[in-house]
Protein backbone atom coordinates (compact mmCIF):
# COMPACT_ATOMS: atom_id res chain seq x y z
CA MET A 1 5.21 -73.33 81.48
CA VAL A 2 4.04 -69.91 82.58
CA GLY A 3 3.13 -69.55 86.32
CA LEU A 4 0.02 -67.44 86.54
CA ALA A 5 -1.13 -68.12 90.17
CA SER A 6 -0.12 -66.63 93.49
CA PRO A 7 2.00 -68.82 95.71
CA ALA A 8 -1.08 -69.78 97.84
CA GLU A 9 -3.01 -71.04 94.79
CA ALA A 10 -2.65 -74.27 92.73
CA ALA A 11 -0.39 -73.82 89.71
CA THR A 12 -2.05 -72.46 86.62
CA SER A 13 -0.23 -72.69 83.29
CA ALA A 14 -1.07 -71.47 79.75
CA THR A 15 0.38 -71.22 76.34
CA ALA A 16 -0.18 -68.76 73.43
CA THR A 17 0.43 -69.92 69.83
CA TYR A 18 0.39 -67.76 66.75
CA ALA A 19 -0.49 -68.84 63.24
CA LYS A 20 -0.76 -66.91 59.93
CA VAL A 21 -4.11 -68.09 58.60
CA SER A 22 -3.85 -66.48 55.17
CA ASP A 23 -1.78 -64.05 53.19
CA TRP A 24 -3.13 -62.10 50.19
CA GLY A 25 0.05 -60.08 49.33
CA THR A 26 -0.97 -56.68 50.61
CA GLY A 27 -2.03 -58.11 54.01
CA PHE A 28 -2.64 -61.15 56.04
CA GLU A 29 -4.87 -62.76 58.73
CA GLY A 30 -3.27 -63.82 61.91
CA LYS A 31 -4.64 -65.88 64.83
CA TRP A 32 -3.50 -66.32 68.37
CA THR A 33 -4.68 -69.34 70.45
CA VAL A 34 -4.48 -69.19 74.20
CA LYS A 35 -4.75 -72.58 75.98
CA ASN A 36 -5.03 -73.31 79.75
CA THR A 37 -2.58 -76.13 80.21
CA GLY A 38 -2.82 -76.04 84.08
CA THR A 39 -5.15 -77.63 86.65
CA THR A 40 -7.10 -74.53 87.70
CA SER A 41 -9.18 -72.03 85.89
CA LEU A 42 -7.58 -69.00 84.20
CA ALA A 43 -9.57 -65.79 85.06
CA SER A 44 -8.11 -63.51 82.27
CA TRP A 45 -5.46 -63.39 79.71
CA THR A 46 -3.23 -60.82 77.99
CA VAL A 47 -0.95 -61.54 75.02
CA GLU A 48 1.81 -59.21 74.04
CA TRP A 49 4.12 -59.18 71.09
CA ASP A 50 6.32 -57.01 68.93
CA PHE A 51 6.01 -56.40 65.14
CA PRO A 52 8.85 -55.09 63.10
CA SER A 53 8.43 -51.53 61.77
CA GLY A 54 5.99 -51.53 58.82
CA THR A 55 3.83 -54.38 60.09
CA SER A 56 0.67 -53.59 61.97
CA VAL A 57 -2.77 -54.83 63.08
CA THR A 58 -5.50 -53.12 61.00
CA SER A 59 -8.59 -54.80 62.68
CA ALA A 60 -9.18 -57.46 65.27
CA TRP A 61 -11.95 -59.63 66.70
CA ASP A 62 -12.57 -61.62 69.91
CA ALA A 63 -9.97 -59.47 71.75
CA ASP A 64 -9.24 -55.77 72.53
CA VAL A 65 -6.00 -55.03 70.66
CA THR A 66 -3.93 -51.87 71.29
CA SER A 67 -0.47 -50.71 70.42
CA SER A 68 2.37 -48.59 71.65
CA GLY A 69 4.78 -48.06 68.85
CA THR A 70 5.63 -51.59 67.44
CA HIS A 71 4.49 -53.31 70.72
CA TRP A 72 1.04 -54.84 70.60
CA THR A 73 -1.23 -55.93 73.41
CA ALA A 74 -4.38 -58.10 73.24
CA LYS A 75 -6.69 -58.39 76.20
CA ASN A 76 -9.66 -60.81 76.47
CA LYS A 77 -13.23 -59.70 76.00
CA SER A 78 -15.62 -59.77 78.98
CA TRP A 79 -17.11 -63.00 77.71
CA ASN A 80 -13.96 -65.05 76.84
CA GLY A 81 -11.46 -64.44 79.54
CA THR A 82 -12.22 -67.36 81.80
CA LEU A 83 -10.62 -70.61 80.69
CA ALA A 84 -11.18 -73.97 82.40
CA PRO A 85 -8.24 -76.43 82.57
CA GLY A 86 -7.66 -77.80 79.10
CA ALA A 87 -9.79 -75.16 77.45
CA SER A 88 -8.60 -72.83 74.73
CA VAL A 89 -9.76 -69.64 73.05
CA SER A 90 -8.66 -67.91 69.82
CA PHE A 91 -8.76 -64.31 68.60
CA GLY A 92 -7.85 -63.04 65.22
CA PHE A 93 -6.79 -59.94 63.38
CA ASN A 94 -6.09 -58.63 59.89
CA GLY A 95 -2.63 -57.16 59.43
CA ALA A 96 -0.59 -55.16 56.98
CA GLY A 97 3.07 -55.57 56.16
CA PRO A 98 5.34 -58.52 55.84
CA GLY A 99 6.55 -59.09 59.42
CA ALA A 100 6.04 -61.87 61.94
CA PRO A 101 5.38 -61.48 65.73
CA SER A 102 8.36 -61.85 68.14
CA GLY A 103 8.84 -61.41 71.91
CA CYS A 104 5.56 -63.01 72.86
CA LYS A 105 4.45 -62.77 76.41
CA LEU A 106 1.30 -64.27 78.04
CA ASN A 107 0.21 -62.62 81.23
CA GLY A 108 3.74 -61.36 81.57
CA GLY A 109 5.48 -64.66 81.15
CA SER A 110 6.85 -66.69 78.23
CA CYS A 111 4.27 -67.97 75.76
CA ASP A 112 5.98 -71.36 75.77
CA GLY A 113 4.52 -72.95 72.60
CA GLY A 114 3.78 -69.74 70.82
CA SER A 115 6.27 -67.36 69.38
CA VAL A 116 9.02 -67.86 71.99
CA PRO A 117 11.58 -65.09 72.13
CA GLY A 118 14.68 -66.25 70.32
CA ASP A 119 12.82 -69.28 68.78
CA ASN A 120 10.69 -68.52 65.76
CA PRO A 121 7.92 -70.99 64.85
CA PRO A 122 8.48 -73.11 61.79
CA SER A 123 7.52 -72.06 58.24
CA ALA A 124 4.58 -73.66 56.38
CA PRO A 125 5.40 -76.94 54.57
CA GLY A 126 4.82 -77.17 50.83
CA THR A 127 1.32 -77.92 49.62
CA PRO A 128 1.09 -81.76 49.69
CA SER A 129 1.01 -83.69 46.41
CA ALA A 130 -1.13 -86.77 45.99
CA SER A 131 -0.29 -90.08 44.25
CA ASN A 132 -1.34 -93.75 44.16
CA ILE A 133 -5.01 -92.77 44.68
CA THR A 134 -7.18 -95.81 45.09
CA ASP A 135 -10.75 -96.50 46.35
CA THR A 136 -9.67 -96.30 49.90
CA SER A 137 -6.21 -94.74 50.14
CA VAL A 138 -3.93 -91.86 48.98
CA ALA A 139 -0.17 -91.33 49.31
CA LEU A 140 0.83 -87.75 50.25
CA SER A 141 4.26 -86.02 50.10
CA TRP A 142 5.44 -82.43 50.66
CA THR A 143 8.47 -80.32 50.80
CA ALA A 144 9.96 -79.82 54.23
CA ALA A 145 9.30 -76.75 56.35
CA THR A 146 12.19 -74.75 57.88
CA ASP A 147 12.91 -73.70 61.44
CA ASP A 148 15.79 -71.85 63.16
CA LYS A 149 16.07 -74.72 65.80
CA GLY A 150 14.93 -77.69 63.67
CA ILE A 151 11.78 -79.55 62.73
CA LYS A 152 10.42 -82.24 65.11
CA ASN A 153 7.50 -83.69 63.15
CA TYR A 154 4.49 -82.92 60.91
CA ASP A 155 0.68 -83.01 61.70
CA VAL A 156 -1.31 -84.27 58.74
CA LEU A 157 -4.79 -82.79 58.60
CA ARG A 158 -7.78 -84.24 56.60
CA ASP A 159 -10.68 -81.84 56.22
CA GLY A 160 -9.23 -79.74 58.97
CA ALA A 161 -8.81 -82.57 61.53
CA LYS A 162 -5.55 -84.23 62.49
CA VAL A 163 -5.28 -87.84 61.28
CA ALA A 164 -1.58 -88.48 61.87
CA THR A 165 1.74 -87.09 63.20
CA VAL A 166 4.79 -88.21 61.19
CA THR A 167 8.55 -87.41 61.37
CA GLY A 168 9.13 -87.50 57.55
CA THR A 169 7.58 -85.72 54.64
CA THR A 170 5.34 -88.53 53.37
CA TYR A 171 2.19 -90.23 54.66
CA THR A 172 -0.23 -92.67 53.20
CA ASN A 173 -3.80 -92.32 54.45
CA THR A 174 -5.82 -95.56 54.37
CA GLY A 175 -9.39 -96.58 55.25
CA LEU A 176 -11.03 -93.95 53.03
CA THR A 177 -14.38 -94.12 51.26
CA ALA A 178 -14.62 -94.76 47.50
CA GLY A 179 -15.67 -91.92 45.28
CA THR A 180 -15.31 -89.29 48.07
CA ASP A 181 -13.66 -85.86 48.19
CA TYR A 182 -11.08 -85.01 50.84
CA SER A 183 -8.83 -82.06 51.54
CA TYR A 184 -5.37 -82.43 52.95
CA THR A 185 -3.03 -79.94 54.65
CA VAL A 186 0.22 -80.28 56.64
CA GLN A 187 1.55 -78.33 59.66
CA ALA A 188 5.15 -78.47 61.02
CA ARG A 189 6.09 -78.59 64.66
CA ASP A 190 9.53 -77.56 65.90
CA THR A 191 11.67 -78.97 68.64
CA ALA A 192 10.06 -76.61 71.15
CA ASP A 193 6.70 -78.01 69.98
CA GLN A 194 5.69 -74.74 68.38
CA THR A 195 3.38 -75.22 65.39
CA GLY A 196 3.69 -73.13 62.21
CA PRO A 197 1.06 -72.14 59.63
CA VAL A 198 -0.68 -74.88 57.75
CA SER A 199 0.28 -75.62 54.14
CA GLY A 200 -1.85 -75.06 51.11
CA ALA A 201 -4.61 -77.61 50.67
CA ARG A 202 -4.67 -80.52 48.34
CA ALA A 203 -8.04 -81.82 47.11
CA VAL A 204 -8.23 -85.50 46.54
CA ARG A 205 -11.10 -87.68 45.22
CA THR A 206 -10.78 -91.38 45.77
CA THR A 207 -11.59 -93.71 42.91
CA GLY A 208 -14.68 -95.79 42.55
CA GLY A 209 -18.03 -94.98 44.03
CA GLY A 210 -19.37 -93.68 40.73
CA GLY A 211 -16.48 -91.32 40.04
CA GLY A 212 -18.36 -88.05 40.01
CA PRO A 213 -21.85 -86.89 39.09
CA GLY A 214 -23.60 -89.73 37.35
CA PRO A 215 -27.02 -89.88 35.66
CA GLY A 216 -29.70 -88.36 37.83
CA SER A 217 -27.25 -87.25 40.52
CA ALA A 218 -25.81 -84.04 39.07
CA VAL A 219 -27.13 -80.68 40.24
CA LYS A 220 -28.90 -78.71 37.36
CA LEU A 221 -29.79 -75.36 38.92
CA GLY A 222 -31.29 -72.23 37.36
CA TYR A 223 -31.91 -68.75 38.71
CA PHE A 224 -35.35 -67.39 38.56
CA THR A 225 -35.47 -63.61 38.97
CA GLU A 226 -38.43 -61.95 40.80
CA TRP A 227 -38.22 -58.89 38.47
CA GLY A 228 -38.71 -61.10 35.36
CA VAL A 229 -42.48 -61.02 35.85
CA TYR A 230 -42.51 -57.33 34.80
CA GLN A 231 -40.97 -56.23 31.51
CA ARG A 232 -39.68 -59.63 30.57
CA ASN A 233 -43.18 -61.28 31.14
CA TYR A 234 -41.41 -64.41 32.34
CA HIS A 235 -43.30 -66.40 34.95
CA VAL A 236 -43.03 -69.70 36.90
CA LYS A 237 -45.46 -71.21 34.34
CA ASN A 238 -42.81 -70.70 31.64
CA LEU A 239 -40.65 -73.39 33.31
CA VAL A 240 -43.45 -75.82 32.57
CA THR A 241 -44.36 -74.74 29.04
CA SER A 242 -40.66 -74.68 27.92
CA GLY A 243 -40.10 -78.24 29.28
CA SER A 244 -37.41 -76.97 31.51
CA ALA A 245 -39.08 -78.03 34.80
CA SER A 246 -38.52 -81.73 34.06
CA LYS A 247 -34.77 -81.14 33.23
CA ILE A 248 -33.69 -79.22 36.34
CA THR A 249 -33.12 -80.22 39.95
CA HIS A 250 -33.05 -76.91 41.71
CA ILE A 251 -34.10 -73.31 41.42
CA ASN A 252 -32.54 -70.30 43.10
CA TYR A 253 -35.09 -67.57 43.54
CA ALA A 254 -33.39 -64.24 43.24
CA PHE A 255 -33.10 -62.02 45.18
CA GLY A 256 -33.85 -61.33 48.78
CA ASN A 257 -32.16 -58.23 50.05
CA VAL A 258 -29.42 -57.99 52.69
CA SER A 259 -30.01 -54.72 54.67
CA GLY A 260 -29.42 -53.57 58.20
CA GLY A 261 -27.50 -56.82 58.98
CA ARG A 262 -30.57 -58.86 58.19
CA CYS A 263 -32.22 -60.89 55.41
CA THR A 264 -35.16 -58.85 54.06
CA ILE A 265 -37.77 -59.07 51.31
CA GLY A 266 -36.57 -58.02 47.84
CA ASP A 267 -39.85 -57.30 46.09
CA ALA A 268 -42.93 -57.94 48.17
CA TYR A 269 -45.41 -57.52 45.26
CA ALA A 270 -43.65 -60.02 42.93
CA ASP A 271 -42.77 -62.40 45.85
CA TYR A 272 -46.14 -62.90 47.42
CA ASP A 273 -48.76 -60.43 46.45
CA LYS A 274 -49.11 -60.39 42.67
CA ALA A 275 -52.45 -61.99 41.58
CA TYR A 276 -52.16 -64.46 38.81
CA THR A 277 -54.96 -65.10 36.28
CA ALA A 278 -55.88 -68.68 35.28
CA ASP A 279 -54.00 -68.47 31.98
CA GLN A 280 -50.81 -67.29 33.77
CA ALA A 281 -50.91 -69.80 36.62
CA VAL A 282 -48.96 -73.04 36.74
CA ASP A 283 -52.06 -75.15 37.42
CA GLY A 284 -54.61 -73.04 35.42
CA VAL A 285 -56.27 -71.90 38.65
CA ALA A 286 -56.56 -68.08 39.24
CA ASP A 287 -55.68 -66.42 42.42
CA THR A 288 -58.37 -64.92 44.67
CA TRP A 289 -58.32 -61.59 46.38
CA ASP A 290 -58.38 -63.15 49.81
CA GLN A 291 -55.98 -66.15 49.52
CA PRO A 292 -53.17 -66.06 52.03
CA LEU A 293 -50.37 -66.41 49.53
CA ARG A 294 -50.06 -65.19 45.92
CA GLY A 295 -47.24 -64.08 43.69
CA ASN A 296 -44.17 -66.09 42.68
CA PHE A 297 -44.03 -67.94 45.97
CA ASN A 298 -47.53 -69.45 45.37
CA GLN A 299 -46.59 -70.29 41.81
CA LEU A 300 -43.43 -72.06 42.96
CA ARG A 301 -45.58 -74.06 45.43
CA LYS A 302 -47.78 -75.13 42.57
CA LEU A 303 -44.66 -76.00 40.49
CA LYS A 304 -43.29 -78.21 43.23
CA ALA A 305 -46.68 -79.91 43.49
CA GLN A 306 -46.29 -80.96 39.81
CA HIS A 307 -42.65 -81.59 39.91
CA PRO A 308 -41.82 -82.74 43.49
CA HIS A 309 -38.20 -83.52 42.50
CA ILE A 310 -37.42 -79.80 42.33
CA LYS A 311 -35.83 -78.11 45.33
CA VAL A 312 -36.13 -74.29 45.69
CA LEU A 313 -33.67 -72.05 47.47
CA TRP A 314 -34.18 -68.39 48.34
CA SER A 315 -31.14 -66.45 47.12
CA PHE A 316 -30.03 -63.35 49.00
CA GLY A 317 -27.59 -60.57 47.92
CA GLY A 318 -26.40 -60.53 44.35
CA TRP A 319 -24.20 -57.93 42.74
CA THR A 320 -26.40 -54.96 43.72
CA TRP A 321 -27.14 -56.10 47.29
CA SER A 322 -23.80 -57.66 48.21
CA GLY A 323 -22.83 -54.41 49.92
CA GLY A 324 -25.08 -55.34 52.79
CA PHE A 325 -23.09 -58.38 53.84
CA GLY A 326 -20.39 -56.49 55.57
CA GLN A 327 -22.76 -55.35 58.25
CA ALA A 328 -24.30 -58.85 58.38
CA ALA A 329 -20.87 -60.35 58.93
CA ALA A 330 -20.33 -58.25 62.10
CA ASN A 331 -22.93 -60.37 63.81
CA PRO A 332 -23.22 -63.72 61.98
CA ALA A 333 -25.55 -65.36 64.47
CA ALA A 334 -28.08 -62.50 64.44
CA PHE A 335 -27.91 -62.42 60.63
CA ALA A 336 -28.45 -66.16 60.33
CA GLN A 337 -31.39 -65.94 62.72
CA SER A 338 -33.05 -63.18 60.62
CA CYS A 339 -32.57 -65.25 57.40
CA TYR A 340 -33.99 -68.39 59.04
CA ASP A 341 -37.04 -66.45 60.36
CA LEU A 342 -37.74 -65.06 56.83
CA VAL A 343 -37.18 -68.22 54.88
CA GLU A 344 -39.20 -70.31 57.34
CA ASP A 345 -42.02 -67.79 57.58
CA PRO A 346 -45.19 -70.02 58.03
CA ARG A 347 -46.73 -68.31 54.95
CA TRP A 348 -44.23 -69.93 52.60
CA ALA A 349 -41.92 -72.21 54.57
CA ASP A 350 -43.06 -75.27 52.46
CA VAL A 351 -41.89 -73.39 49.29
CA PHE A 352 -38.19 -73.32 50.22
CA ASP A 353 -35.69 -76.09 50.82
CA GLY A 354 -32.84 -73.87 51.89
CA ILE A 355 -30.97 -70.65 51.35
CA ASP A 356 -28.33 -69.37 48.91
CA LEU A 357 -26.07 -66.43 49.81
CA ASP A 358 -24.76 -64.49 46.77
CA TRP A 359 -22.01 -62.47 48.47
CA GLU A 360 -20.07 -61.71 45.37
CA TYR A 361 -17.06 -59.80 46.73
CA PRO A 362 -16.29 -60.58 50.44
CA ASN A 363 -13.15 -58.67 51.59
CA ALA A 364 -12.82 -57.20 48.14
CA CYS A 365 -14.25 -54.61 45.91
CA GLY A 366 -17.32 -54.92 43.57
CA LEU A 367 -20.11 -52.42 43.31
CA SER A 368 -18.66 -51.22 46.69
CA CYS A 369 -15.68 -52.31 48.70
CA ASP A 370 -15.91 -54.71 51.63
CA THR A 371 -13.38 -54.62 54.46
CA SER A 372 -14.85 -57.34 56.73
CA GLY A 373 -11.66 -59.41 56.49
CA PRO A 374 -10.84 -62.84 55.01
CA ALA A 375 -12.43 -64.83 57.89
CA ALA A 376 -15.88 -63.14 57.60
CA PHE A 377 -17.19 -65.28 54.77
CA LYS A 378 -16.33 -68.55 56.62
CA ASN A 379 -17.81 -67.21 59.85
CA LEU A 380 -21.03 -66.21 58.15
CA MET A 381 -21.40 -69.67 56.50
CA GLN A 382 -20.70 -71.40 59.74
CA ALA A 383 -23.48 -69.47 61.42
CA MET A 384 -25.87 -70.13 58.52
CA ARG A 385 -25.25 -73.93 58.75
CA ALA A 386 -25.66 -73.90 62.54
CA LYS A 387 -29.01 -72.20 62.27
CA PHE A 388 -30.45 -73.90 59.23
CA GLY A 389 -29.22 -77.35 60.33
CA THR A 390 -28.49 -80.45 58.24
CA ASN A 391 -31.99 -80.83 56.70
CA ASN A 392 -31.84 -77.54 54.73
CA LEU A 393 -29.60 -76.68 51.79
CA VAL A 394 -27.07 -73.90 52.44
CA THR A 395 -25.15 -72.77 49.25
CA ALA A 396 -23.27 -69.71 48.09
CA ALA A 397 -22.64 -68.04 44.74
CA VAL A 398 -19.00 -67.07 44.58
CA THR A 399 -16.48 -65.15 42.42
CA ALA A 400 -14.49 -66.93 39.64
CA ASP A 401 -11.63 -64.36 39.73
CA ALA A 402 -8.61 -66.75 39.81
CA SER A 403 -6.06 -64.06 39.16
CA SER A 404 -3.07 -63.93 41.55
CA GLY A 405 -4.17 -61.98 44.60
CA GLY A 406 -7.75 -61.68 43.10
CA LYS A 407 -11.13 -62.19 44.78
CA ILE A 408 -10.76 -65.91 45.29
CA ASP A 409 -7.65 -65.21 47.35
CA ALA A 410 -9.49 -62.56 49.41
CA ALA A 411 -11.70 -64.89 51.48
CA ASP A 412 -11.43 -68.27 53.21
CA TYR A 413 -13.48 -70.23 50.64
CA GLY A 414 -11.70 -73.47 51.52
CA GLY A 415 -12.53 -73.24 55.25
CA ALA A 416 -16.17 -72.28 54.53
CA ALA A 417 -16.79 -75.18 52.21
CA GLN A 418 -17.44 -77.64 55.06
CA TYR A 419 -20.58 -75.69 56.00
CA LEU A 420 -22.07 -75.52 52.48
CA ASN A 421 -23.73 -78.01 50.11
CA TRP A 422 -22.05 -76.41 47.11
CA TYR A 423 -20.61 -73.29 45.51
CA ASN A 424 -22.15 -71.72 42.40
CA VAL A 425 -18.93 -70.56 40.71
CA MET A 426 -19.87 -67.59 38.60
CA THR A 427 -17.77 -68.51 35.55
CA TYR A 428 -19.17 -65.74 33.33
CA ASP A 429 -18.82 -61.99 33.03
CA PHE A 430 -15.05 -62.28 32.88
CA PHE A 431 -14.97 -59.69 29.95
CA GLY A 432 -17.52 -57.15 28.67
CA ALA A 433 -18.12 -53.70 27.20
CA TRP A 434 -17.48 -51.97 30.58
CA ALA A 435 -14.02 -51.97 28.83
CA ALA A 436 -15.59 -49.81 26.12
CA GLN A 437 -12.59 -49.85 23.69
CA GLY A 438 -12.11 -53.62 24.11
CA PRO A 439 -10.29 -55.78 23.43
CA THR A 440 -13.20 -57.96 22.45
CA ALA A 441 -13.14 -61.30 24.44
CA PRO A 442 -15.54 -64.07 25.28
CA HIS A 443 -17.32 -63.34 28.52
CA SER A 444 -17.38 -67.02 29.67
CA PRO A 445 -14.16 -68.69 28.46
CA LEU A 446 -13.74 -72.34 29.66
CA THR A 447 -10.01 -72.12 29.28
CA SER A 448 -7.24 -69.55 28.70
CA TYR A 449 -6.13 -68.67 25.23
CA PRO A 450 -3.38 -66.68 23.53
CA GLY A 451 -4.18 -63.02 23.94
CA ILE A 452 -6.68 -63.38 26.78
CA PRO A 453 -6.86 -59.86 28.43
CA GLN A 454 -6.51 -60.99 31.93
CA ALA A 455 -4.67 -64.04 33.36
CA GLY A 456 -6.84 -66.17 35.67
CA PHE A 457 -10.11 -65.00 34.11
CA ASN A 458 -11.40 -68.35 32.82
CA SER A 459 -13.50 -71.26 34.20
CA ALA A 460 -10.78 -73.88 34.35
CA GLU A 461 -8.40 -71.79 36.45
CA ALA A 462 -11.21 -70.74 38.78
CA ILE A 463 -12.25 -74.35 39.39
CA ALA A 464 -8.59 -75.35 39.87
CA LYS A 465 -8.00 -72.59 42.35
CA PHE A 466 -10.95 -73.62 44.52
CA LYS A 467 -9.79 -77.18 44.45
CA ALA A 468 -6.26 -76.11 45.48
CA LYS A 469 -7.84 -74.25 48.44
CA GLY A 470 -9.45 -77.49 49.55
CA VAL A 471 -12.92 -77.25 48.16
CA PRO A 472 -14.09 -80.74 47.11
CA SER A 473 -14.82 -81.17 43.45
CA ALA A 474 -18.38 -82.33 44.13
CA LYS A 475 -19.03 -78.98 45.91
CA LEU A 476 -18.29 -76.96 42.79
CA LEU A 477 -20.90 -76.14 40.22
CA LEU A 478 -19.87 -74.68 36.78
CA GLY A 479 -21.74 -71.51 35.84
CA ILE A 480 -23.35 -70.85 32.43
CA GLY A 481 -24.70 -67.50 31.22
CA PHE A 482 -27.92 -67.59 29.17
CA TYR A 483 -26.92 -64.33 27.54
CA GLY A 484 -24.09 -62.67 25.56
CA ARG A 485 -21.95 -59.65 25.99
CA GLY A 486 -21.02 -57.43 23.12
CA TRP A 487 -19.30 -54.37 21.66
CA THR A 488 -19.96 -52.11 18.72
CA GLY A 489 -17.60 -50.35 16.38
CA VAL A 490 -15.67 -53.49 15.83
CA THR A 491 -13.87 -54.32 12.50
CA GLN A 492 -12.15 -57.53 13.55
CA ALA A 493 -14.14 -60.77 13.42
CA THR A 494 -11.77 -62.74 15.79
CA PRO A 495 -11.39 -61.91 19.44
CA GLY A 496 -8.91 -59.17 20.45
CA GLY A 497 -10.39 -56.42 18.31
CA THR A 498 -10.93 -52.76 19.30
CA ALA A 499 -14.37 -51.22 19.84
CA THR A 500 -16.07 -47.90 20.37
CA GLY A 501 -18.59 -48.90 23.16
CA PRO A 502 -21.21 -51.49 24.11
CA ALA A 503 -23.46 -53.00 21.48
CA PRO A 504 -27.14 -52.20 21.77
CA GLY A 505 -29.23 -54.58 23.84
CA THR A 506 -32.99 -55.02 24.59
CA TYR A 507 -32.81 -54.07 28.24
CA GLU A 508 -29.18 -52.81 28.72
CA GLN A 509 -26.33 -51.85 26.44
CA GLY A 510 -23.74 -54.55 26.00
CA ILE A 511 -25.86 -57.51 26.96
CA GLU A 512 -28.51 -59.52 25.18
CA ASP A 513 -30.38 -62.83 25.76
CA TYR A 514 -29.35 -66.00 23.99
CA LYS A 515 -32.91 -66.36 22.61
CA VAL A 516 -32.34 -63.11 20.67
CA LEU A 517 -28.73 -63.57 19.65
CA LYS A 518 -29.19 -67.09 18.19
CA SER A 519 -31.24 -65.45 15.33
CA SER A 520 -30.03 -61.86 15.26
CA CYS A 521 -26.32 -62.69 15.40
CA PRO A 522 -25.64 -66.37 14.80
CA ALA A 523 -22.26 -67.75 16.08
CA THR A 524 -19.45 -67.66 13.51
CA GLY A 525 -16.65 -69.23 15.56
CA THR A 526 -15.59 -70.55 18.91
CA ILE A 527 -12.72 -69.82 21.18
CA ALA A 528 -11.77 -71.23 24.58
CA GLY A 529 -14.87 -73.43 24.61
CA THR A 530 -17.44 -70.70 23.89
CA ALA A 531 -18.95 -69.06 20.81
CA TYR A 532 -18.61 -65.63 19.25
CA ALA A 533 -20.10 -63.73 16.35
CA LYS A 534 -19.65 -60.53 14.40
CA CYS A 535 -22.69 -58.97 12.83
CA GLY A 536 -22.05 -55.65 11.04
CA SER A 537 -19.98 -53.66 13.50
CA ASN A 538 -21.29 -55.61 16.56
CA TRP A 539 -19.27 -58.38 18.20
CA TRP A 540 -20.82 -60.84 20.63
CA SER A 541 -19.80 -63.84 22.70
CA TYR A 542 -22.20 -66.33 24.15
CA ASP A 543 -22.80 -70.01 24.81
CA THR A 544 -24.78 -72.23 22.46
CA PRO A 545 -26.28 -75.68 22.98
CA ALA A 546 -23.10 -77.07 21.40
CA THR A 547 -20.66 -75.20 23.65
CA VAL A 548 -22.85 -75.88 26.72
CA ASN A 549 -22.71 -79.54 25.90
CA SER A 550 -18.86 -79.48 25.75
CA LYS A 551 -18.71 -77.54 28.97
CA MET A 552 -20.93 -80.19 30.65
CA SER A 553 -18.50 -82.87 29.41
CA TRP A 554 -15.64 -80.97 30.99
CA ALA A 555 -17.48 -80.54 34.23
CA LYS A 556 -18.07 -84.30 34.44
CA SER A 557 -14.38 -84.99 33.72
CA GLN A 558 -13.48 -82.73 36.63
CA GLY A 559 -15.79 -84.53 39.01
CA LEU A 560 -17.92 -81.41 39.53
CA GLY A 561 -21.27 -81.53 41.32
CA GLY A 562 -23.06 -80.23 38.27
CA ALA A 563 -23.89 -76.82 36.77
CA PHE A 564 -26.06 -73.78 37.25
CA PHE A 565 -27.16 -70.88 35.01
CA TRP A 566 -28.20 -67.29 35.05
CA GLU A 567 -31.13 -67.15 34.22
CA PHE A 568 -34.18 -68.87 32.86
CA SER A 569 -35.63 -66.02 30.84
CA GLY A 570 -32.65 -65.81 28.52
CA ASP A 571 -33.40 -69.22 27.09
CA THR A 572 -35.65 -70.05 24.07
CA THR A 573 -39.34 -70.82 24.55
CA ASN A 574 -38.53 -74.53 24.22
CA GLY A 575 -35.59 -74.34 26.75
CA GLU A 576 -32.85 -75.49 24.43
CA LEU A 577 -30.01 -74.38 26.74
CA VAL A 578 -31.55 -76.07 29.70
CA GLY A 579 -31.85 -79.16 27.52
CA ALA A 580 -28.23 -78.98 26.64
CA ILE A 581 -27.26 -78.80 30.38
CA ASN A 582 -29.47 -81.76 31.15
CA SER A 583 -28.28 -83.98 28.34
CA GLY A 584 -24.65 -82.95 28.85
CA LEU A 585 -24.72 -83.97 32.50
CA ASN A 586 -26.56 -87.27 31.97
């Protein structure tokens, strides 16, 4: 133990432990945990270590980190230096390079339980495998970790909490609940009681208990866009006249903006000011000039009065406004407070049942590049849940890039899942005419296929990767696009052909609604679970009621929580794609 007190004081002892939280190839996230193991309070702490040449800290949080050559020093912030007996505090950093810390010192003494000089912590064990899964138990096994002085035992963690410590590489967890999702990881401990990094996560669903989404329980969610009321002339009333309102369970209202570290209004006129005439209104009652709430929010209120089973979430961000999340992540609590204040504004609090955050490229590049670090997404979601509580829905739309080192690997989606009701996995827009010369490819493939332009760009691999990171199956929704993507200048009917650019579209080149394509360019074939068509020199891919139905069957076989789609106005006037989702999940 490290003596930190003067001779006249009672003994104060502390340890510092290092763990590599994640590694995305070009960098990693590290975390130090300082624990007061003595009997008196610790007034301050300083952790020092050495990195080999070529490894460095690029950013840090919850500590002031400085360096001199390859020697690094972290000092407590003004608010986290005092540690009562038994208390601990962690600080983290993003790093570059392949090296691990050595020569750890805590307040000038040995870290004793961290990276002890001459005794490296153990490696991560292999990702556990699961077998003999029953209603109430699962058998786990994993490959051994390595250590320069030997492995003492392993901690088994379920959903992040330790449930057992074992000396071997197997463990059977009993007393579980039927039909329930769990996530398991393993962490090794060496003979000096140093812990190494946790293994990869294994998602397990016990048998029984309904076995996944059953009739009436699956989420069937659609996005309603605020701008649809303009050129598209699509209004909340269309959900009723199309028959879709009776076939969905949730609506995401898109989008609120993320600006200045806050949730802000996206389009005030469409949201709560536009006056509806009687023939446009859900209930046939016209808005008046002096009523307190008009616009889409009031129409959604009227929709919920007619269809009380529908829950509405206010969605913030999206592709265009995801660039604002980096600033929001710098102060998660303040951001969550701003979102709560806006969603729960007394003028429309009864309209919304929760919030959805569409941060589409955390710690990665999209319309802009985000450098907030792999922990930022989890930290933001934790703050949202803490503020919105258990009675509100908190969800997120997330990338489906399952390529090695891709966007799913860039953020801690597994760690964040505990704070969310579900993820909307955006399993569409994998391919499109932004690659103007092709090759032509379906924008929403369910599976891979020979010749696919990019490995990992398909729904099945995306869902599998989220599960492998510990996200429960029931917290994953499969995404469906109510539109197609297309090229022109194409001579080859089957996928993989060359092109000269994007095909013409009603509102934007290279994209067209399903309701248009079903007649203007009927499907001529299917590949990887989705449809395609060649009409003249134009080539399109899109989902049809038949392919949607097969995707819903696949979603049920995977135990997913349901499906969602972008967005209502792309469907036919009688809502045939919504109908396919509904029937496919029942």
